Amino acid sequence: MMRSSCLAAAVLALMAPRAKATIIDWQAELQRCRELRQNVAPLLQAGEGISAVGRSNRSVRRCIWIQRIAVRKKIPGAEVW
């Protein structure tokens, strides 16, 4: 009995940080991505591809990921990059 309760406690301790990490404030993230997109737009218009811009900037890659997930989940305000 003691073994199973210790195992359960260990599993819960490992799962707790992961559960907190999955909560996303979609509207705040989408707003941040819109602002970032306005900053990146001149680079894209200058001929840089989105993949080249994305490789050079972690926040651009995160925004591309957020937009993709938001479109898939049909979150209001999501738009395809």
PDB file of N, CA and C in Angstrom:
ATOM      1  N   MET A   1       0.827  -1.193   0.000  1.00  0.00           N
ATOM      2  CA  MET A   1       0.000   0.000   0.000  1.00  0.00           C
ATOM      3  C   MET A   1       0.877   1.265   0.000  1.00  0.00           C
ATOM      4  N   MET A   2       1.901   1.254   0.809  1.00  0.00           N
ATOM      5  CA  MET A   2       2.788   2.409   0.904  1.00  0.00           C
ATOM      6  C   MET A   2       3.506   2.656  -0.417  1.00  0.00           C
ATOM      7  N   ARG A   3       3.885   1.584  -1.084  1.00  0.00           N
ATOM      8  CA  ARG A   3       4.572   1.720  -2.373  1.00  0.00           C
ATOM      9  C   ARG A   3       3.695   2.394  -3.419  1.00  0.00           C
ATOM     10  N   SER A   4       2.448   1.961  -3.495  1.00  0.00           N
ATOM     11  CA  SER A   4       1.557   2.530  -4.507  1.00  0.00           C
ATOM     12  C   SER A   4       1.239   3.992  -4.228  1.00  0.00           C
ATOM     13  N   SER A   5       1.133   4.369  -2.955  1.00  0.00           N
ATOM     14  CA  SER A   5       0.868   5.782  -2.657  1.00  0.00           C
ATOM     15  C   SER A   5       2.088   6.637  -2.972  1.00  0.00           C
ATOM     16  N   CYS A   6       3.282   6.118  -2.735  1.00  0.00           N
ATOM     17  CA  CYS A   6       4.499   6.861  -3.092  1.00  0.00           C
ATOM     18  C   CYS A   6       4.625   7.009  -4.605  1.00  0.00           C
ATOM     19  N   LEU A   7       4.283   5.950  -5.314  1.00  0.00           N
ATOM     20  CA  LEU A   7       4.320   6.010  -6.772  1.00  0.00           C
ATOM     21  C   LEU A   7       3.305   7.013  -7.299  1.00  0.00           C
ATOM     22  N   ALA A   8       2.111   7.008  -6.724  1.00  0.00           N
ATOM     23  CA  ALA A   8       1.082   7.958  -7.146  1.00  0.00           C
ATOM     24  C   ALA A   8       1.513   9.394  -6.869  1.00  0.00           C
ATOM     25  N   ALA A   9       2.132   9.630  -5.724  1.00  0.00           N
ATOM     26  CA  ALA A   9       2.617  10.968  -5.384  1.00  0.00           C
ATOM     27  C   ALA A   9       3.705  11.412  -6.357  1.00  0.00           C
ATOM     28  N   ALA A  10       4.588  10.493  -6.724  1.00  0.00           N
ATOM     29  CA  ALA A  10       5.652  10.823  -7.666  1.00  0.00           C
ATOM     30  C   ALA A  10       5.085  11.154  -9.040  1.00  0.00           C
ATOM     31  N   VAL A  11       4.094  10.387  -9.469  1.00  0.00           N
ATOM     32  CA  VAL A  11       3.472  10.651 -10.769  1.00  0.00           C
ATOM     33  C   VAL A  11       2.773  12.001 -10.763  1.00  0.00           C
ATOM     34  N   LEU A  12       2.055  12.317  -9.698  1.00  0.00           N
ATOM     35  CA  LEU A  12       1.381  13.618  -9.606  1.00  0.00           C
ATOM     36  C   LEU A  12       2.389  14.768  -9.599  1.00  0.00           C
ATOM     37  N   ALA A  13       3.502  14.576  -8.924  1.00  0.00           N
ATOM     38  CA  ALA A  13       4.534  15.614  -8.889  1.00  0.00           C
ATOM     39  C   ALA A  13       5.125  15.849 -10.269  1.00  0.00           C
ATOM     40  N   LEU A  14       5.259  14.804 -11.055  1.00  0.00           N
ATOM     41  CA  LEU A  14       5.788  14.951 -12.407  1.00  0.00           C
ATOM     42  C   LEU A  14       4.762  15.565 -13.350  1.00  0.00           C
ATOM     43  N   MET A  15       3.485  15.312 -13.132  1.00  0.00           N
ATOM     44  CA  MET A  15       2.442  15.810 -14.019  1.00  0.00           C
ATOM     45  C   MET A  15       2.064  17.261 -13.736  1.00  0.00           C
ATOM     46  N   ALA A  16       2.253  17.738 -12.525  1.00  0.00           N
ATOM     47  CA  ALA A  16       1.812  19.077 -12.137  1.00  0.00           C
ATOM     48  C   ALA A  16       2.448  20.183 -12.986  1.00  0.00           C
ATOM     49  N   PRO A  17       3.762  20.230 -13.185  1.00  0.00           N
ATOM     50  CA  PRO A  17       4.328  21.304 -14.014  1.00  0.00           C
ATOM     51  C   PRO A  17       3.848  21.241 -15.459  1.00  0.00           C
ATOM     52  N   ARG A  18       3.656  20.044 -15.965  1.00  0.00           N
ATOM     53  CA  ARG A  18       3.200  19.904 -17.342  1.00  0.00           C
ATOM     54  C   ARG A  18       1.775  20.446 -17.499  1.00  0.00           C
ATOM     55  N   ALA A  19       0.920  20.228 -16.503  1.00  0.00           N
ATOM     56  CA  ALA A  19      -0.452  20.724 -16.570  1.00  0.00           C
ATOM     57  C   ALA A  19      -0.470  22.249 -16.578  1.00  0.00           C
ATOM     58  N   LYS A  20       0.410  22.866 -15.807  1.00  0.00           N
ATOM     59  CA  LYS A  20       0.464  24.326 -15.779  1.00  0.00           C
ATOM     60  C   LYS A  20       0.988  24.884 -17.098  1.00  0.00           C
ATOM     61  N   ALA A  21       1.867  24.166 -17.742  1.00  0.00           N
ATOM     62  CA  ALA A  21       2.486  24.654 -18.971  1.00  0.00           C
ATOM     63  C   ALA A  21       1.525  24.648 -20.152  1.00  0.00           C
ATOM     64  N   THR A  22       0.443  23.886 -20.099  1.00  0.00           N
ATOM     65  CA  THR A  22      -0.451  23.790 -21.244  1.00  0.00           C
ATOM     66  C   THR A  22      -1.536  24.858 -21.265  1.00  0.00           C
ATOM     67  N   ILE A  23      -1.666  25.656 -20.208  1.00  0.00           N
ATOM     68  CA  ILE A  23      -2.679  26.705 -20.189  1.00  0.00           C
ATOM     69  C   ILE A  23      -2.179  27.871 -21.032  1.00  0.00           C
ATOM     70  N   ILE A  24      -2.957  28.228 -22.052  1.00  0.00           N
ATOM     71  CA  ILE A  24      -2.568  29.308 -22.966  1.00  0.00           C
ATOM     72  C   ILE A  24      -3.656  30.363 -22.975  1.00  0.00           C
ATOM     73  N   ASP A  25      -3.274  31.607 -22.784  1.00  0.00           N
ATOM     74  CA  ASP A  25      -4.202  32.725 -22.934  1.00  0.00           C
ATOM     75  C   ASP A  25      -4.218  33.069 -24.421  1.00  0.00           C
ATOM     76  N   TRP A  26      -5.169  32.494 -25.140  1.00  0.00           N
ATOM     77  CA  TRP A  26      -5.179  32.565 -26.597  1.00  0.00           C
ATOM     78  C   TRP A  26      -5.267  33.997 -27.107  1.00  0.00           C
ATOM     79  N   GLN A  27      -6.112  34.813 -26.522  1.00  0.00           N
ATOM     80  CA  GLN A  27      -6.277  36.179 -27.032  1.00  0.00           C
ATOM     81  C   GLN A  27      -5.006  37.005 -26.833  1.00  0.00           C
ATOM     82  N   ALA A  28      -4.352  36.842 -25.687  1.00  0.00           N
ATOM     83  CA  ALA A  28      -3.101  37.569 -25.446  1.00  0.00           C
ATOM     84  C   ALA A  28      -2.013  37.103 -26.403  1.00  0.00           C
ATOM     85  N   GLU A  29      -1.926  35.790 -26.612  1.00  0.00           N
ATOM     86  CA  GLU A  29      -0.920  35.254 -27.537  1.00  0.00           C
ATOM     87  C   GLU A  29      -1.185  35.733 -28.962  1.00  0.00           C
ATOM     88  N   LEU A  30      -2.443  35.714 -29.378  1.00  0.00           N
ATOM     89  CA  LEU A  30      -2.770  36.155 -30.742  1.00  0.00           C
ATOM     90  C   LEU A  30      -2.479  37.639 -30.922  1.00  0.00           C
ATOM     91  N   GLN A  31      -2.743  38.442 -29.882  1.00  0.00           N
ATOM     92  CA  GLN A  31      -2.439  39.875 -29.965  1.00  0.00           C
ATOM     93  C   GLN A  31      -0.933  40.091 -30.070  1.00  0.00           C
ATOM     94  N   ARG A  32      -0.164  39.357 -29.276  1.00  0.00           N
ATOM     95  CA  ARG A  32       1.293  39.473 -29.336  1.00  0.00           C
ATOM     96  C   ARG A  32       1.804  39.064 -30.709  1.00  0.00           C
ATOM     97  N   CYS A  33       1.199  38.027 -31.284  1.00  0.00           N
ATOM     98  CA  CYS A  33       1.615  37.569 -32.602  1.00  0.00           C
ATOM     99  C   CYS A  33       1.258  38.586 -33.692  1.00  0.00           C
ATOM    100  N   ARG A  34       0.112  39.257 -33.533  1.00  0.00           N
ATOM    101  CA  ARG A  34      -0.242  40.299 -34.507  1.00  0.00           C
ATOM    102  C   ARG A  34       0.783  41.428 -34.493  1.00  0.00           C
ATOM    103  N   GLU A  35       1.184  41.831 -33.285  1.00  0.00           N
ATOM    104  CA  GLU A  35       2.192  42.897 -33.171  1.00  0.00           C
ATOM    105  C   GLU A  35       3.525  42.447 -33.753  1.00  0.00           C
ATOM    106  N   LEU A  36       3.903  41.229 -33.484  1.00  0.00           N
ATOM    107  CA  LEU A  36       5.149  40.702 -34.034  1.00  0.00           C
ATOM    108  C   LEU A  36       5.081  40.614 -35.551  1.00  0.00           C
ATOM    109  N   ARG A  37       3.918  40.223 -36.050  1.00  0.00           N
ATOM    110  CA  ARG A  37       3.744  40.106 -37.499  1.00  0.00           C
ATOM    111  C   ARG A  37       3.913  41.454 -38.190  1.00  0.00           C
ATOM    112  N   GLN A  38       3.442  42.528 -37.535  1.00  0.00           N
ATOM    113  CA  GLN A  38       3.626  43.869 -38.105  1.00  0.00           C
ATOM    114  C   GLN A  38       5.101  44.238 -38.162  1.00  0.00           C
ATOM    115  N   ASN A  39       5.868  43.780 -37.181  1.00  0.00           N
ATOM    116  CA  ASN A  39       7.305  44.065 -37.171  1.00  0.00           C
ATOM    117  C   ASN A  39       8.058  43.239 -38.210  1.00  0.00           C
ATOM    118  N   VAL A  40       7.559  42.041 -38.500  1.00  0.00           N
ATOM    119  CA  VAL A  40       8.223  41.133 -39.436  1.00  0.00           C
ATOM    120  C   VAL A  40       7.799  41.417 -40.876  1.00  0.00           C
ATOM    121  N   ALA A  41       6.663  42.062 -41.055  1.00  0.00           N
ATOM    122  CA  ALA A  41       6.129  42.311 -42.399  1.00  0.00           C
ATOM    123  C   ALA A  41       7.133  42.975 -43.337  1.00  0.00           C
ATOM    124  N   PRO A  42       7.901  43.980 -42.907  1.00  0.00           N
ATOM    125  CA  PRO A  42       8.877  44.577 -43.830  1.00  0.00           C
ATOM    126  C   PRO A  42       9.922  43.579 -44.335  1.00  0.00           C
ATOM    127  N   LEU A  43      10.328  42.645 -43.464  1.00  0.00           N
ATOM    128  CA  LEU A  43      11.283  41.621 -43.900  1.00  0.00           C
ATOM    129  C   LEU A  43      10.665  40.711 -44.950  1.00  0.00           C
ATOM    130  N   LEU A  44       9.409  40.358 -44.729  1.00  0.00           N
ATOM    131  CA  LEU A  44       8.730  39.488 -45.692  1.00  0.00           C
ATOM    132  C   LEU A  44       8.535  40.200 -47.026  1.00  0.00           C
ATOM    133  N   GLN A  45       8.200  41.476 -46.976  1.00  0.00           N
ATOM    134  CA  GLN A  45       8.011  42.239 -48.209  1.00  0.00           C
ATOM    135  C   GLN A  45       9.334  42.467 -48.923  1.00  0.00           C
ATOM    136  N   ALA A  46      10.437  42.435 -48.183  1.00  0.00           N
ATOM    137  CA  ALA A  46      11.757  42.618 -48.791  1.00  0.00           C
ATOM    138  C   ALA A  46      12.246  41.343 -49.468  1.00  0.00           C
ATOM    139  N   GLY A  47      11.482  40.261 -49.336  1.00  0.00           N
ATOM    140  CA  GLY A  47      11.848  39.039 -50.035  1.00  0.00           C
ATOM    141  C   GLY A  47      12.321  37.909 -49.152  1.00  0.00           C
ATOM    142  N   GLU A  48      12.421  38.165 -47.854  1.00  0.00           N
ATOM    143  CA  GLU A  48      12.805  37.084 -46.936  1.00  0.00           C
ATOM    144  C   GLU A  48      11.620  36.141 -46.786  1.00  0.00           C
ATOM    145  N   GLY A  49      11.861  34.862 -46.835  1.00  0.00           N
ATOM    146  CA  GLY A  49      10.798  33.880 -46.634  1.00  0.00           C
ATOM    147  C   GLY A  49      10.468  33.727 -45.167  1.00  0.00           C
ATOM    148  N   ILE A  50       9.244  33.286 -44.870  1.00  0.00           N
ATOM    149  CA  ILE A  50       8.830  33.126 -43.479  1.00  0.00           C
ATOM    150  C   ILE A  50       9.697  32.095 -42.774  1.00  0.00           C
ATOM    151  N   SER A  51      10.164  31.086 -43.496  1.00  0.00           N
ATOM    152  CA  SER A  51      11.014  30.089 -42.843  1.00  0.00           C
ATOM    153  C   SER A  51      12.365  30.691 -42.472  1.00  0.00           C
ATOM    154  N   ALA A  52      12.907  31.576 -43.306  1.00  0.00           N
ATOM    155  CA  ALA A  52      14.183  32.224 -42.988  1.00  0.00           C
ATOM    156  C   ALA A  52      14.025  33.151 -41.787  1.00  0.00           C
ATOM    157  N   VAL A  53      12.924  33.884 -41.745  1.00  0.00           N
ATOM    158  CA  VAL A  53      12.671  34.775 -40.616  1.00  0.00           C
ATOM    159  C   VAL A  53      12.437  33.940 -39.359  1.00  0.00           C
ATOM    160  N   GLY A  54      11.696  32.844 -39.494  1.00  0.00           N
ATOM    161  CA  GLY A  54      11.391  31.986 -38.360  1.00  0.00           C
ATOM    162  C   GLY A  54      12.609  31.319 -37.769  1.00  0.00           C
ATOM    163  N   ARG A  55      13.562  30.933 -38.600  1.00  0.00           N
ATOM    164  CA  ARG A  55      14.768  30.291 -38.088  1.00  0.00           C
ATOM    165  C   ARG A  55      15.609  31.258 -37.275  1.00  0.00           C
ATOM    166  N   SER A  56      15.480  32.538 -37.562  1.00  0.00           N
ATOM    167  CA  SER A  56      16.332  33.507 -36.888  1.00  0.00           C
ATOM    168  C   SER A  56      15.713  34.067 -35.611  1.00  0.00           C
ATOM    169  N   ASN A  57      14.462  33.726 -35.326  1.00  0.00           N
ATOM    170  CA  ASN A  57      13.803  34.361 -34.195  1.00  0.00           C
ATOM    171  C   ASN A  57      12.862  33.367 -33.518  1.00  0.00           C
ATOM    172  N   ARG A  58      13.123  33.061 -32.260  1.00  0.00           N
ATOM    173  CA  ARG A  58      12.312  32.079 -31.535  1.00  0.00           C
ATOM    174  C   ARG A  58      10.865  32.546 -31.377  1.00  0.00           C
ATOM    175  N   SER A  59      10.650  33.838 -31.160  1.00  0.00           N
ATOM    176  CA  SER A  59       9.286  34.327 -30.975  1.00  0.00           C
ATOM    177  C   SER A  59       8.467  34.208 -32.258  1.00  0.00           C
ATOM    178  N   VAL A  60       9.119  34.346 -33.409  1.00  0.00           N
ATOM    179  CA  VAL A  60       8.409  34.149 -34.680  1.00  0.00           C
ATOM    180  C   VAL A  60       7.999  32.694 -34.819  1.00  0.00           C
ATOM    181  N   ARG A  61       8.897  31.788 -34.476  1.00  0.00           N
ATOM    182  CA  ARG A  61       8.548  30.358 -34.542  1.00  0.00           C
ATOM    183  C   ARG A  61       7.406  30.035 -33.599  1.00  0.00           C
ATOM    184  N   ARG A  62       7.421  30.609 -32.384  1.00  0.00           N
ATOM    185  CA  ARG A  62       6.329  30.374 -31.436  1.00  0.00           C
ATOM    186  C   ARG A  62       5.015  30.916 -31.979  1.00  0.00           C
ATOM    187  N   CYS A  63       5.056  32.092 -32.588  1.00  0.00           N
ATOM    188  CA  CYS A  63       3.828  32.667 -33.135  1.00  0.00           C
ATOM    189  C   CYS A  63       3.282  31.826 -34.285  1.00  0.00           C
ATOM    190  N   ILE A  64       4.156  31.313 -35.112  1.00  0.00           N
ATOM    191  CA  ILE A  64       3.703  30.436 -36.192  1.00  0.00           C
ATOM    192  C   ILE A  64       3.033  29.213 -35.595  1.00  0.00           C
ATOM    193  N   TRP A  65       3.616  28.650 -34.539  1.00  0.00           N
ATOM    194  CA  TRP A  65       3.037  27.488 -33.873  1.00  0.00           C
ATOM    195  C   TRP A  65       1.696  27.832 -33.224  1.00  0.00           C
ATOM    196  N   ILE A  66       1.639  28.974 -32.513  1.00  0.00           N
ATOM    197  CA  ILE A  66       0.401  29.404 -31.859  1.00  0.00           C
ATOM    198  C   ILE A  66      -0.697  29.611 -32.893  1.00  0.00           C
ATOM    199  N   GLN A  67      -0.363  30.282 -34.006  1.00  0.00           N
ATOM    200  CA  GLN A  67      -1.364  30.537 -35.047  1.00  0.00           C
ATOM    201  C   GLN A  67      -1.875  29.228 -35.628  1.00  0.00           C
ATOM    202  N   ARG A  68      -0.989  28.299 -35.881  1.00  0.00           N
ATOM    203  CA  ARG A  68      -1.382  27.019 -36.456  1.00  0.00           C
ATOM    204  C   ARG A  68      -2.334  26.272 -35.520  1.00  0.00           C
ATOM    205  N   ILE A  69      -2.001  26.229 -34.234  1.00  0.00           N
ATOM    206  CA  ILE A  69      -2.854  25.550 -33.253  1.00  0.00           C
ATOM    207  C   ILE A  69      -4.183  26.292 -33.102  1.00  0.00           C
ATOM    208  N   ALA A  70      -4.146  27.611 -33.067  1.00  0.00           N
ATOM    209  CA  ALA A  70      -5.368  28.397 -32.901  1.00  0.00           C
ATOM    210  C   ALA A  70      -6.313  28.211 -34.083  1.00  0.00           C
ATOM    211  N   VAL A  71      -5.766  28.149 -35.294  1.00  0.00           N
ATOM    212  CA  VAL A  71      -6.606  27.912 -36.477  1.00  0.00           C
ATOM    213  C   VAL A  71      -7.218  26.521 -36.394  1.00  0.00           C
ATOM    214  N   ARG A  72      -6.408  25.546 -35.980  1.00  0.00           N
ATOM    215  CA  ARG A  72      -6.902  24.172 -35.872  1.00  0.00           C
ATOM    216  C   ARG A  72      -8.013  24.060 -34.830  1.00  0.00           C
ATOM    217  N   LYS A  73      -7.880  24.803 -33.701  1.00  0.00           N
ATOM    218  CA  LYS A  73      -8.887  24.765 -32.642  1.00  0.00           C
ATOM    219  C   LYS A  73     -10.021  25.755 -32.880  1.00  0.00           C
ATOM    220  N   LYS A  74      -9.934  26.512 -33.971  1.00  0.00           N
ATOM    221  CA  LYS A  74     -10.952  27.501 -34.347  1.00  0.00           C
ATOM    222  C   LYS A  74     -11.157  28.565 -33.261  1.00  0.00           C
ATOM    223  N   ILE A  75     -10.046  29.087 -32.753  1.00  0.00           N
ATOM    224  CA  ILE A  75     -10.074  30.149 -31.768  1.00  0.00           C
ATOM    225  C   ILE A  75     -10.413  31.453 -32.491  1.00  0.00           C
ATOM    226  N   PRO A  76     -11.357  32.250 -31.968  1.00  0.00           N
ATOM    227  CA  PRO A  76     -11.688  33.522 -32.632  1.00  0.00           C
ATOM    228  C   PRO A  76     -10.475  34.447 -32.721  1.00  0.00           C
ATOM    229  N   GLY A  77     -10.261  35.023 -33.878  1.00  0.00           N
ATOM    230  CA  GLY A  77      -9.147  35.940 -34.089  1.00  0.00           C
ATOM    231  C   GLY A  77      -7.922  35.278 -34.681  1.00  0.00           C
ATOM    232  N   ALA A  78      -7.943  33.967 -34.848  1.00  0.00           N
ATOM    233  CA  ALA A  78      -6.797  33.267 -35.409  1.00  0.00           C
ATOM    234  C   ALA A  78      -6.770  33.451 -36.910  1.00  0.00           C
ATOM    235  N   GLU A  79      -5.583  33.654 -37.450  1.00  0.00           N
ATOM    236  CA  GLU A  79      -5.424  33.812 -38.895  1.00  0.00           C
ATOM    237  C   GLU A  79      -4.197  33.042 -39.341  1.00  0.00           C
ATOM    238  N   VAL A  80      -4.206  32.580 -40.551  1.00  0.00           N
ATOM    239  CA  VAL A  80      -3.097  31.797 -41.087  1.00  0.00           C
ATOM    240  C   VAL A  80      -1.973  32.743 -41.486  1.00  0.00           C
ATOM    241  N   TRP A  81      -0.736  32.383 -41.144  1.00  0.00           N
ATOM    242  CA  TRP A  81       0.427  33.174 -41.557  1.00  0.00           C
ATOM    243  C   TRP A  81       0.779  32.845 -42.977  1.00  0.00           C
TER     244      TRP A  81
END
